[in-house]
Amino acid sequence: MRKLQVIAKLLVMIVILSACQNGLLNAEQQSPDKIVLHQMERFGQVKENTRYEITDEQTIELFAEAILRADKVPGVADVVDPNFKVGFGEQELYVWIAEDHGSVMDAADTHTLYTMEERDAERLYSFFSSEHLLD
């Protein structure tokens, strides 16, 4: 009987923890060998010669965590052109980043916007700045 209670509690915890993620990245996409960044000219058009690969595990984790913790904005998004396109394997996301805020959008669903937590936006902004990727 005690084992059944423990298993039930674990299942409830798993459901709760999985509900905390927004679904922008599946489990496989959360830890790829590399992610690829492109600076954007406008939606659907990357700037020439701006491909930037990230293979550092900690930096990949930084991006994945920021994206997974982002909260969905209610309604339909109407936004300016993104700063970056980020490729997590087959998954492509648009990213807007500023010193204290950031947003992300699935390239396949351009009507839904997610806002990043302030600390995640600050960390990503620091990364982009240190790599001289911001205009």
Protein backbone atom coordinates (compact mmCIF):
# COMPACT_ATOMS: atom_id res chain seq x y z
CA MET A 1 0.00 0.00 0.00
CA ARG A 2 2.84 2.38 0.89
CA LYS A 3 4.51 1.78 -2.49
CA LEU A 4 1.29 2.68 -4.27
CA GLN A 5 1.13 6.02 -2.41
CA VAL A 6 4.75 6.82 -3.32
CA ILE A 7 4.14 5.98 -6.98
CA ALA A 8 0.98 8.09 -7.05
CA LYS A 9 2.84 11.06 -5.53
CA LEU A 10 5.66 10.70 -8.07
CA LEU A 11 3.18 10.65 -10.95
CA VAL A 12 1.49 13.81 -9.68
CA MET A 13 4.89 15.54 -9.36
CA ILE A 14 5.83 14.54 -12.92
CA VAL A 15 2.56 15.93 -14.29
CA ILE A 16 3.03 19.20 -12.38
CA LEU A 17 6.64 19.61 -13.51
CA SER A 18 5.83 18.85 -17.13
CA ALA A 19 3.05 21.44 -17.06
CA CYS A 20 5.59 24.13 -16.09
CA GLN A 21 7.21 23.93 -19.52
CA ASN A 22 5.70 25.72 -22.50
CA GLY A 23 6.35 23.02 -25.12
CA LEU A 24 8.53 25.15 -27.42
CA LEU A 25 11.28 22.54 -27.20
CA ASN A 26 10.76 18.80 -26.84
CA ALA A 27 13.05 16.68 -24.67
CA GLU A 28 15.40 15.84 -27.57
CA GLN A 29 15.73 19.49 -28.63
CA GLN A 30 16.57 20.67 -25.11
CA SER A 31 20.11 19.30 -25.24
CA PRO A 32 21.41 19.27 -28.81
CA ASP A 33 25.11 19.10 -29.70
CA LYS A 34 24.86 22.61 -31.11
CA ILE A 35 22.49 25.46 -31.73
CA VAL A 36 22.75 27.80 -34.69
CA LEU A 37 22.07 31.53 -34.52
CA HIS A 38 21.41 33.92 -37.37
CA GLN A 39 20.91 37.65 -37.11
CA MET A 40 17.69 38.63 -38.79
CA GLU A 41 17.08 41.21 -41.49
CA ARG A 42 13.31 40.74 -41.09
CA PHE A 43 10.88 37.85 -40.64
CA GLY A 44 11.94 35.02 -42.90
CA GLN A 45 15.18 36.67 -44.01
CA VAL A 46 18.49 36.27 -42.20
CA LYS A 47 21.37 38.70 -42.62
CA GLU A 48 24.11 37.36 -44.86
CA ASN A 49 27.21 35.88 -43.20
CA THR A 50 25.74 35.94 -39.70
CA ARG A 51 25.65 32.20 -38.98
CA TYR A 52 26.98 31.57 -35.48
CA GLU A 53 27.24 28.06 -33.99
CA ILE A 54 27.18 27.39 -30.28
CA THR A 55 28.58 24.09 -29.07
CA ASP A 56 29.33 25.01 -25.46
CA GLU A 57 27.07 22.87 -23.27
CA GLN A 58 26.47 25.59 -20.66
CA THR A 59 25.49 28.16 -23.27
CA ILE A 60 23.12 25.70 -24.96
CA GLU A 61 21.57 25.02 -21.56
CA LEU A 62 21.24 28.78 -20.96
CA PHE A 63 19.25 29.16 -24.20
CA ALA A 64 17.12 26.06 -23.54
CA GLU A 65 16.22 27.12 -20.01
CA ALA A 66 15.34 30.67 -21.05
CA ILE A 67 13.09 29.35 -23.81
CA LEU A 68 11.42 26.70 -21.67
CA ARG A 69 10.64 29.15 -18.85
CA ALA A 70 9.13 31.75 -21.19
CA ASP A 71 5.44 32.47 -20.60
CA LYS A 72 2.85 32.51 -23.35
CA VAL A 73 1.36 35.94 -24.06
CA PRO A 74 -2.42 35.82 -24.44
CA GLY A 75 -3.87 36.87 -27.77
CA VAL A 76 -2.34 37.06 -31.23
CA ALA A 77 1.16 38.51 -31.54
CA ASP A 78 1.88 41.52 -33.73
CA VAL A 79 5.59 42.28 -33.33
CA VAL A 80 8.56 43.98 -34.94
CA ASP A 81 11.17 41.97 -36.81
CA PRO A 82 13.13 39.60 -34.57
CA ASN A 83 16.80 40.05 -33.65
CA PHE A 84 17.75 36.40 -34.15
CA LYS A 85 16.66 33.06 -35.49
CA VAL A 86 17.82 30.20 -33.26
CA GLY A 87 17.95 26.63 -34.51
CA PHE A 88 17.64 23.79 -32.00
CA GLY A 89 18.02 20.90 -34.42
CA GLU A 90 14.93 21.00 -36.64
CA GLN A 91 13.16 23.51 -34.36
CA GLU A 92 13.53 27.16 -35.38
CA LEU A 93 12.67 30.00 -33.04
CA TYR A 94 12.68 33.76 -33.39
CA VAL A 95 14.24 35.69 -30.52
CA TRP A 96 13.93 39.33 -29.50
CA ILE A 97 16.41 40.43 -26.86
CA ALA A 98 17.06 43.60 -24.90
CA GLU A 99 18.97 44.33 -21.72
CA ASP A 100 16.11 43.50 -19.37
CA HIS A 101 13.50 41.69 -21.45
CA GLY A 102 13.25 39.11 -24.17
CA SER A 103 10.70 37.21 -26.21
CA VAL A 104 10.65 34.04 -28.24
CA MET A 105 8.35 32.68 -30.94
CA ASP A 106 8.13 29.37 -32.76
CA ALA A 107 8.92 30.07 -36.43
CA ALA A 108 6.12 27.65 -37.36
CA ASP A 109 3.58 29.52 -35.19
CA THR A 110 4.11 33.24 -35.67
CA HIS A 111 0.84 34.15 -33.95
CA THR A 112 2.02 33.10 -30.48
CA LEU A 113 4.62 35.00 -28.47
CA TYR A 114 6.34 33.98 -25.25
CA THR A 115 8.06 36.41 -22.88
CA MET A 116 11.21 35.44 -21.06
CA GLU A 117 11.81 35.89 -17.38
CA GLU A 118 13.87 39.00 -16.71
CA ARG A 119 16.90 37.10 -15.39
CA ASP A 120 16.93 34.85 -18.47
CA ALA A 121 16.72 37.86 -20.79
CA GLU A 122 19.60 39.52 -18.90
CA ARG A 123 21.74 36.39 -19.24
CA LEU A 124 21.04 36.04 -22.96
CA TYR A 125 21.64 39.75 -23.52
CA SER A 126 24.97 39.40 -21.73
CA PHE A 127 25.89 36.46 -23.97
CA PHE A 128 24.91 38.30 -27.18
CA SER A 129 26.82 41.39 -26.03
CA SER A 130 29.95 39.47 -25.10
CA GLU A 131 29.97 37.80 -28.51
CA HIS A 132 29.38 41.18 -30.25
CA LEU A 133 26.20 39.89 -31.89
CA LEU A 134 24.00 42.89 -31.11
CA ASP A 135 23.85 45.85 -33.49
